[in-house]
Amino acid sequence: MYRILMVEDDETISHEIKENLESWGYEVQETENFKDVMALFARFDPQLVLMDISLPFYNGYHWCAQIRQVSKVPVIFLSSASDNMNIVMAVNMGADDFVAKPFDLMVLMAKVQAMLRRTYEFAGQTNLIEHKGVILNISDASISYQGEKVELTKNEYKILQILMEHMGNTVSREAIMTRLWETDSYVDDNTLTVNVTRLRRKLEETGISDFIQTKKGMGYIIEQ
């Protein structure tokens, strides 16, 4: 079942599209918090996004650009602002298609189905983990925060993945080293300390402070 994220503030239009998509067997999530679309995007991990241009707080161009920082998921714009300038702007921001309002639901469905077929016939899915605006992209071992993207080394990425998968729980140093050994990264206690220090520095340089906490004598934790 494909997951589709609706970023549309007109509730009537959003509900109508949602009901139609669900009748075809798709899982649809509507956006309620337009201040932080990326948090919902990371949690829901959609295979396609339907995006309006005119939205509260930030417009669809902004969110499309944010999505393109972490994912190649198809984005279809839905808008009554269908002049050439807006269509060009949408494409330049990373949109894959543009559907002008008002539209026929069957036409939209045909475009959605065609886009999903083309995108996922051979391609894999993007996996994201999000917490407090920090997005870990498992597919390319990078982190993104407020539009900034930073590449991680293999060990840094694995350490952050382990901690984010166990948010709210302390993970022992031994458990982290064991996971790293499973991926052929043979690290000792000192090497783990160096990697955590480097990871923290990269997080801080991206504007993320105190993300990884040390539990003395126990290990590390990312607080919920």
C-alpha atoms as a PDB file:
ATOM      1  CA  MET A   1       0.000   0.000   0.000  1.00  0.00           C
ATOM      2  CA  TYR A   2       1.462   3.328  -1.062  1.00  0.00           C
ATOM      3  CA  ARG A   3       1.486   6.193   1.452  1.00  0.00           C
ATOM      4  CA  ILE A   4       0.475   9.654   0.216  1.00  0.00           C
ATOM      5  CA  LEU A   5       0.913  12.873   2.181  1.00  0.00           C
ATOM      6  CA  MET A   6      -1.635  15.653   1.602  1.00  0.00           C
ATOM      7  CA  VAL A   7      -0.300  19.175   2.233  1.00  0.00           C
ATOM      8  CA  GLU A   8      -3.501  21.111   1.536  1.00  0.00           C
ATOM      9  CA  ASP A   9      -5.088  23.630   3.924  1.00  0.00           C
ATOM     10  CA  ASP A  10      -8.514  23.640   2.261  1.00  0.00           C
ATOM     11  CA  GLU A  11     -10.189  20.948   4.366  1.00  0.00           C
ATOM     12  CA  THR A  12     -12.976  20.316   1.848  1.00  0.00           C
ATOM     13  CA  ILE A  13     -10.534  19.665  -0.993  1.00  0.00           C
ATOM     14  CA  SER A  14      -8.179  17.695   1.250  1.00  0.00           C
ATOM     15  CA  HIS A  15     -10.933  15.405   2.584  1.00  0.00           C
ATOM     16  CA  GLU A  16     -12.357  14.851  -0.911  1.00  0.00           C
ATOM     17  CA  ILE A  17      -8.980  13.839  -2.328  1.00  0.00           C
ATOM     18  CA  LYS A  18      -8.246  11.675   0.727  1.00  0.00           C
ATOM     19  CA  GLU A  19     -11.526   9.758   0.392  1.00  0.00           C
ATOM     20  CA  ASN A  20     -10.939   9.217  -3.312  1.00  0.00           C
ATOM     21  CA  LEU A  21      -7.362   7.993  -2.839  1.00  0.00           C
ATOM     22  CA  GLU A  22      -8.383   5.685   0.007  1.00  0.00           C
ATOM     23  CA  SER A  23     -11.098   4.168  -2.179  1.00  0.00           C
ATOM     24  CA  TRP A  24      -8.251   3.044  -4.467  1.00  0.00           C
ATOM     25  CA  GLY A  25      -6.406   1.444  -1.568  1.00  0.00           C
ATOM     26  CA  TYR A  26      -3.866   4.178  -0.760  1.00  0.00           C
ATOM     27  CA  GLU A  27      -2.961   5.240   2.775  1.00  0.00           C
ATOM     28  CA  VAL A  28      -3.395   8.999   3.058  1.00  0.00           C
ATOM     29  CA  GLN A  29      -2.229  11.385   5.778  1.00  0.00           C
ATOM     30  CA  GLU A  30      -3.580  14.940   5.894  1.00  0.00           C
ATOM     31  CA  THR A  31      -1.453  17.780   7.270  1.00  0.00           C
ATOM     32  CA  GLU A  32      -2.742  19.599  10.340  1.00  0.00           C
ATOM     33  CA  ASN A  33       0.384  21.390  11.593  1.00  0.00           C
ATOM     34  CA  PHE A  34       1.513  23.633   8.738  1.00  0.00           C
ATOM     35  CA  LYS A  35       4.333  25.079  10.850  1.00  0.00           C
ATOM     36  CA  ASP A  36       6.281  21.817  10.747  1.00  0.00           C
ATOM     37  CA  VAL A  37       5.434  19.800   7.656  1.00  0.00           C
ATOM     38  CA  MET A  38       8.852  18.105   7.716  1.00  0.00           C
ATOM     39  CA  ALA A  39       8.226  16.414  11.061  1.00  0.00           C
ATOM     40  CA  LEU A  40       5.079  14.809   9.650  1.00  0.00           C
ATOM     41  CA  PHE A  41       6.899  13.974   6.409  1.00  0.00           C
ATOM     42  CA  ALA A  42       9.631  12.136   8.316  1.00  0.00           C
ATOM     43  CA  ARG A  43       7.202  10.238  10.555  1.00  0.00           C
ATOM     44  CA  PHE A  44       4.815   9.203   7.792  1.00  0.00           C
ATOM     45  CA  ASP A  45       7.575   8.535   5.216  1.00  0.00           C
ATOM     46  CA  PRO A  46       5.272   8.952   2.179  1.00  0.00           C
ATOM     47  CA  GLN A  47       5.936   7.642  -1.313  1.00  0.00           C
ATOM     48  CA  LEU A  48       4.224  10.665  -2.873  1.00  0.00           C
ATOM     49  CA  VAL A  49       3.307  14.199  -1.747  1.00  0.00           C
ATOM     50  CA  LEU A  50       0.386  16.283  -2.992  1.00  0.00           C
ATOM     51  CA  MET A  51       1.255  19.912  -2.230  1.00  0.00           C
ATOM     52  CA  ASP A  52      -0.693  23.155  -2.511  1.00  0.00           C
ATOM     53  CA  ILE A  53       1.272  26.359  -3.151  1.00  0.00           C
ATOM     54  CA  SER A  54      -0.687  28.726  -0.876  1.00  0.00           C
ATOM     55  CA  LEU A  55      -0.347  27.433   2.695  1.00  0.00           C
ATOM     56  CA  PRO A  56      -0.284  28.963   6.196  1.00  0.00           C
ATOM     57  CA  PHE A  57       3.122  30.126   7.512  1.00  0.00           C
ATOM     58  CA  TYR A  58       5.266  28.857   4.590  1.00  0.00           C
ATOM     59  CA  ASN A  59       4.235  28.217   0.998  1.00  0.00           C
ATOM     60  CA  GLY A  60       4.482  24.965  -0.909  1.00  0.00           C
ATOM     61  CA  TYR A  61       7.699  26.040  -2.628  1.00  0.00           C
ATOM     62  CA  HIS A  62       9.385  26.258   0.761  1.00  0.00           C
ATOM     63  CA  TRP A  63       8.292  22.770   1.823  1.00  0.00           C
ATOM     64  CA  CYS A  64       9.142  21.253  -1.536  1.00  0.00           C
ATOM     65  CA  ALA A  65      12.679  22.641  -1.233  1.00  0.00           C
ATOM     66  CA  GLN A  66      12.895  21.253   2.328  1.00  0.00           C
ATOM     67  CA  ILE A  67      11.755  17.819   1.136  1.00  0.00           C
ATOM     68  CA  ARG A  68      14.340  17.868  -1.636  1.00  0.00           C
ATOM     69  CA  GLN A  69      17.048  18.312   1.016  1.00  0.00           C
ATOM     70  CA  VAL A  70      16.315  14.805   2.317  1.00  0.00           C
ATOM     71  CA  SER A  71      14.312  12.886  -0.267  1.00  0.00           C
ATOM     72  CA  LYS A  72      13.602  12.317  -3.961  1.00  0.00           C
ATOM     73  CA  VAL A  73       9.973  11.373  -3.249  1.00  0.00           C
ATOM     74  CA  PRO A  74       7.660  12.612  -6.043  1.00  0.00           C
ATOM     75  CA  VAL A  75       5.871  15.899  -5.349  1.00  0.00           C
ATOM     76  CA  ILE A  76       2.777  16.926  -7.314  1.00  0.00           C
ATOM     77  CA  PHE A  77       1.646  20.527  -6.889  1.00  0.00           C
ATOM     78  CA  LEU A  78      -2.070  21.322  -6.750  1.00  0.00           C
ATOM     79  CA  SER A  79      -2.883  24.994  -7.216  1.00  0.00           C
ATOM     80  CA  SER A  80      -5.279  27.489  -8.732  1.00  0.00           C
ATOM     81  CA  ALA A  81      -2.215  29.678  -9.386  1.00  0.00           C
ATOM     82  CA  SER A  82      -1.520  27.842 -12.627  1.00  0.00           C
ATOM     83  CA  ASP A  83       0.146  30.572 -14.668  1.00  0.00           C
ATOM     84  CA  ASN A  84       3.413  29.770 -16.397  1.00  0.00           C
ATOM     85  CA  MET A  85       5.523  31.525 -13.756  1.00  0.00           C
ATOM     86  CA  ASN A  86       4.147  29.368 -10.927  1.00  0.00           C
ATOM     87  CA  ILE A  87       4.528  26.172 -12.956  1.00  0.00           C
ATOM     88  CA  VAL A  88       8.157  27.041 -13.760  1.00  0.00           C
ATOM     89  CA  MET A  89       8.774  27.958 -10.111  1.00  0.00           C
ATOM     90  CA  ALA A  90       7.318  24.639  -8.955  1.00  0.00           C
ATOM     91  CA  VAL A  91       9.506  22.640 -11.323  1.00  0.00           C
ATOM     92  CA  ASN A  92      12.598  24.615 -10.319  1.00  0.00           C
ATOM     93  CA  MET A  93      11.875  23.851  -6.652  1.00  0.00           C
ATOM     94  CA  GLY A  94      11.831  20.142  -7.393  1.00  0.00           C
ATOM     95  CA  ALA A  95       8.181  19.380  -8.218  1.00  0.00           C
ATOM     96  CA  ASP A  96       7.519  16.417 -10.515  1.00  0.00           C
ATOM     97  CA  ASP A  97       4.121  17.524 -11.822  1.00  0.00           C
ATOM     98  CA  PHE A  98       1.582  20.344 -11.577  1.00  0.00           C
ATOM     99  CA  VAL A  99      -2.209  19.964 -11.514  1.00  0.00           C
ATOM    100  CA  ALA A 100      -4.292  23.121 -11.895  1.00  0.00           C
ATOM    101  CA  LYS A 101      -7.380  23.690  -9.729  1.00  0.00           C
ATOM    102  CA  PRO A 102     -10.189  22.992 -10.271  1.00  0.00           C
ATOM    103  CA  PHE A 103      -9.389  19.469 -11.452  1.00  0.00           C
ATOM    104  CA  ASP A 104     -11.208  16.228 -12.106  1.00  0.00           C
ATOM    105  CA  LEU A 105     -10.483  13.603  -9.440  1.00  0.00           C
ATOM    106  CA  MET A 106     -10.086  10.892 -12.090  1.00  0.00           C
ATOM    107  CA  VAL A 107      -7.414  12.973 -13.847  1.00  0.00           C
ATOM    108  CA  LEU A 108      -5.593  13.475 -10.544  1.00  0.00           C
ATOM    109  CA  MET A 109      -5.846   9.741  -9.806  1.00  0.00           C
ATOM    110  CA  ALA A 110      -4.397   8.878 -13.204  1.00  0.00           C
ATOM    111  CA  LYS A 111      -1.457  11.216 -12.603  1.00  0.00           C
ATOM    112  CA  VAL A 112      -0.869   9.782  -9.101  1.00  0.00           C
ATOM    113  CA  GLN A 113      -0.921   6.194 -10.368  1.00  0.00           C
ATOM    114  CA  ALA A 114       1.396   6.990 -13.276  1.00  0.00           C
ATOM    115  CA  MET A 115       3.845   8.814 -10.999  1.00  0.00           C
ATOM    116  CA  LEU A 116       3.950   5.950  -8.488  1.00  0.00           C
ATOM    117  CA  ARG A 117       4.501   3.371 -11.256  1.00  0.00           C
ATOM    118  CA  ARG A 118       7.355   5.333 -12.803  1.00  0.00           C
ATOM    119  CA  THR A 119       9.012   6.092  -9.490  1.00  0.00           C
ATOM    120  CA  TYR A 120       8.819   2.753  -7.705  1.00  0.00           C
ATOM    121  CA  GLU A 121       8.967   0.167 -10.483  1.00  0.00           C
ATOM    122  CA  PHE A 122      12.725  -0.104  -9.935  1.00  0.00           C
ATOM    123  CA  ALA A 123      13.544   2.309  -7.127  1.00  0.00           C
ATOM    124  CA  GLY A 124      13.724   1.611  -3.413  1.00  0.00           C
ATOM    125  CA  GLN A 125      12.136   3.613  -0.623  1.00  0.00           C
ATOM    126  CA  THR A 126      13.658   6.350   1.458  1.00  0.00           C
ATOM    127  CA  ASN A 127      13.857   5.746   5.191  1.00  0.00           C
ATOM    128  CA  LEU A 128      13.847   8.736   7.538  1.00  0.00           C
ATOM    129  CA  ILE A 129      13.978   9.095  11.308  1.00  0.00           C
ATOM    130  CA  GLU A 130      12.942  12.473  12.758  1.00  0.00           C
ATOM    131  CA  HIS A 131      13.182  13.957  16.244  1.00  0.00           C
ATOM    132  CA  LYS A 132      12.883  17.621  17.273  1.00  0.00           C
ATOM    133  CA  GLY A 133      13.410  18.750  13.684  1.00  0.00           C
ATOM    134  CA  VAL A 134      16.529  16.603  13.189  1.00  0.00           C
ATOM    135  CA  ILE A 135      16.077  14.231  10.257  1.00  0.00           C
ATOM    136  CA  LEU A 136      18.368  11.233   9.777  1.00  0.00           C
ATOM    137  CA  ASN A 137      18.255   9.944   6.216  1.00  0.00           C
ATOM    138  CA  ILE A 138      19.138   6.252   6.325  1.00  0.00           C
ATOM    139  CA  SER A 139      19.412   5.979   2.541  1.00  0.00           C
ATOM    140  CA  ASP A 140      22.399   8.346   2.248  1.00  0.00           C
ATOM    141  CA  ALA A 141      23.731   8.578   5.843  1.00  0.00           C
ATOM    142  CA  SER A 142      23.048  12.297   6.245  1.00  0.00           C
ATOM    143  CA  ILE A 143      21.339  14.573   8.746  1.00  0.00           C
ATOM    144  CA  SER A 144      19.206  17.600   7.943  1.00  0.00           C
ATOM    145  CA  TYR A 145      18.089  20.407  10.222  1.00  0.00           C
ATOM    146  CA  GLN A 146      16.303  23.611   9.221  1.00  0.00           C
ATOM    147  CA  GLY A 147      17.354  23.194   5.604  1.00  0.00           C
ATOM    148  CA  GLU A 148      21.000  22.384   6.366  1.00  0.00           C
ATOM    149  CA  LYS A 149      22.275  18.962   5.298  1.00  0.00           C
ATOM    150  CA  VAL A 150      25.438  17.314   6.656  1.00  0.00           C
ATOM    151  CA  GLU A 151      27.042  14.045   5.551  1.00  0.00           C
ATOM    152  CA  LEU A 152      28.055  11.572   8.252  1.00  0.00           C
ATOM    153  CA  THR A 153      30.752   8.935   8.289  1.00  0.00           C
ATOM    154  CA  LYS A 154      29.659   5.305   8.479  1.00  0.00           C
ATOM    155  CA  ASN A 155      30.297   5.081  12.227  1.00  0.00           C
ATOM    156  CA  GLU A 156      28.729   8.480  13.012  1.00  0.00           C
ATOM    157  CA  TYR A 157      25.625   7.519  11.068  1.00  0.00           C
ATOM    158  CA  LYS A 158      25.307   4.123  12.786  1.00  0.00           C
ATOM    159  CA  ILE A 159      25.744   5.669  16.252  1.00  0.00           C
ATOM    160  CA  LEU A 160      23.057   8.292  15.581  1.00  0.00           C
ATOM    161  CA  GLN A 161      20.738   5.689  14.046  1.00  0.00           C
ATOM    162  CA  ILE A 162      21.036   3.439  17.112  1.00  0.00           C
ATOM    163  CA  LEU A 163      20.345   6.329  19.502  1.00  0.00           C
ATOM    164  CA  MET A 164      17.399   7.679  17.482  1.00  0.00           C
ATOM    165  CA  GLU A 165      15.879   4.210  17.206  1.00  0.00           C
ATOM    166  CA  HIS A 166      15.974   4.028  21.025  1.00  0.00           C
ATOM    167  CA  MET A 167      14.901   7.616  21.810  1.00  0.00           C
ATOM    168  CA  GLY A 168      14.151   8.093  25.498  1.00  0.00           C
ATOM    169  CA  ASN A 169      16.264   5.089  26.497  1.00  0.00           C
ATOM    170  CA  THR A 170      19.910   4.958  27.506  1.00  0.00           C
ATOM    171  CA  VAL A 171      22.010   2.866  25.121  1.00  0.00           C
ATOM    172  CA  SER A 172      25.161   1.421  26.655  1.00  0.00           C
ATOM    173  CA  ARG A 173      28.550   1.924  25.054  1.00  0.00           C
ATOM    174  CA  GLU A 174      28.865  -1.866  24.817  1.00  0.00           C
ATOM    175  CA  ALA A 175      25.591  -2.127  22.880  1.00  0.00           C
ATOM    176  CA  ILE A 176      26.720   0.562  20.435  1.00  0.00           C
ATOM    177  CA  MET A 177      30.094  -1.109  19.875  1.00  0.00           C
ATOM    178  CA  THR A 178      28.399  -4.458  19.322  1.00  0.00           C
ATOM    179  CA  ARG A 179      26.151  -2.937  16.624  1.00  0.00           C
ATOM    180  CA  LEU A 180      29.175  -1.356  14.971  1.00  0.00           C
ATOM    181  CA  TRP A 181      31.028  -4.672  15.019  1.00  0.00           C
ATOM    182  CA  GLU A 182      28.073  -6.289  13.240  1.00  0.00           C
ATOM    183  CA  THR A 183      28.720  -3.956  10.306  1.00  0.00           C
ATOM    184  CA  ASP A 184      32.457  -4.770  10.217  1.00  0.00           C
ATOM    185  CA  SER A 185      33.410  -1.564  12.018  1.00  0.00           C
ATOM    186  CA  TYR A 186      35.693  -2.870  14.749  1.00  0.00           C
ATOM    187  CA  VAL A 187      35.920  -0.021  17.232  1.00  0.00           C
ATOM    188  CA  ASP A 188      37.290  -0.002  20.741  1.00  0.00           C
ATOM    189  CA  ASP A 189      36.199   2.179  23.659  1.00  0.00           C
ATOM    190  CA  ASN A 190      38.486   5.090  22.732  1.00  0.00           C
ATOM    191  CA  THR A 191      37.419   5.026  19.081  1.00  0.00           C
ATOM    192  CA  LEU A 192      33.766   5.178  20.123  1.00  0.00           C
ATOM    193  CA  THR A 193      34.472   8.262  22.241  1.00  0.00           C
ATOM    194  CA  VAL A 194      36.195   9.955  19.294  1.00  0.00           C
ATOM    195  CA  ASN A 195      33.275   9.148  16.969  1.00  0.00           C
ATOM    196  CA  VAL A 196      30.672  10.461  19.426  1.00  0.00           C
ATOM    197  CA  THR A 197      32.704  13.657  19.893  1.00  0.00           C
ATOM    198  CA  ARG A 198      32.894  14.194  16.123  1.00  0.00           C
ATOM    199  CA  LEU A 199      29.186  13.468  15.736  1.00  0.00           C
ATOM    200  CA  ARG A 200      28.311  15.989  18.448  1.00  0.00           C
ATOM    201  CA  ARG A 201      30.524  18.588  16.780  1.00  0.00           C
ATOM    202  CA  LYS A 202      28.749  18.092  13.437  1.00  0.00           C
ATOM    203  CA  LEU A 203      25.371  18.387  15.136  1.00  0.00           C
ATOM    204  CA  GLU A 204      26.416  21.593  16.906  1.00  0.00           C
ATOM    205  CA  GLU A 205      27.797  23.078  13.683  1.00  0.00           C
ATOM    206  CA  THR A 206      24.369  22.466  12.134  1.00  0.00           C
ATOM    207  CA  GLY A 207      22.702  24.298  15.050  1.00  0.00           C
ATOM    208  CA  ILE A 208      21.719  21.202  17.048  1.00  0.00           C
ATOM    209  CA  SER A 209      22.974  21.500  20.613  1.00  0.00           C
ATOM    210  CA  ASP A 210      22.754  18.988  23.491  1.00  0.00           C
ATOM    211  CA  PHE A 211      21.065  16.423  21.230  1.00  0.00           C
ATOM    212  CA  ILE A 212      23.078  13.458  22.534  1.00  0.00           C
ATOM    213  CA  GLN A 213      23.301  13.279  26.321  1.00  0.00           C
ATOM    214  CA  THR A 214      25.866  11.267  28.296  1.00  0.00           C
ATOM    215  CA  LYS A 215      24.622   9.098  31.132  1.00  0.00           C
ATOM    216  CA  LYS A 216      27.732   8.718  33.277  1.00  0.00           C
ATOM    217  CA  GLY A 217      28.736   5.106  33.726  1.00  0.00           C
ATOM    218  CA  MET A 218      25.833   3.957  31.554  1.00  0.00           C
ATOM    219  CA  GLY A 219      25.997   5.226  27.968  1.00  0.00           C
ATOM    220  CA  TYR A 220      24.215   7.764  25.766  1.00  0.00           C
ATOM    221  CA  ILE A 221      20.623   8.919  25.323  1.00  0.00           C
ATOM    222  CA  ILE A 222      18.560  11.158  23.078  1.00  0.00           C
ATOM    223  CA  GLU A 223      15.839  12.552  25.318  1.00  0.00           C
ATOM    224  CA  GLN A 224      12.271  12.453  24.004  1.00  0.00           C
END
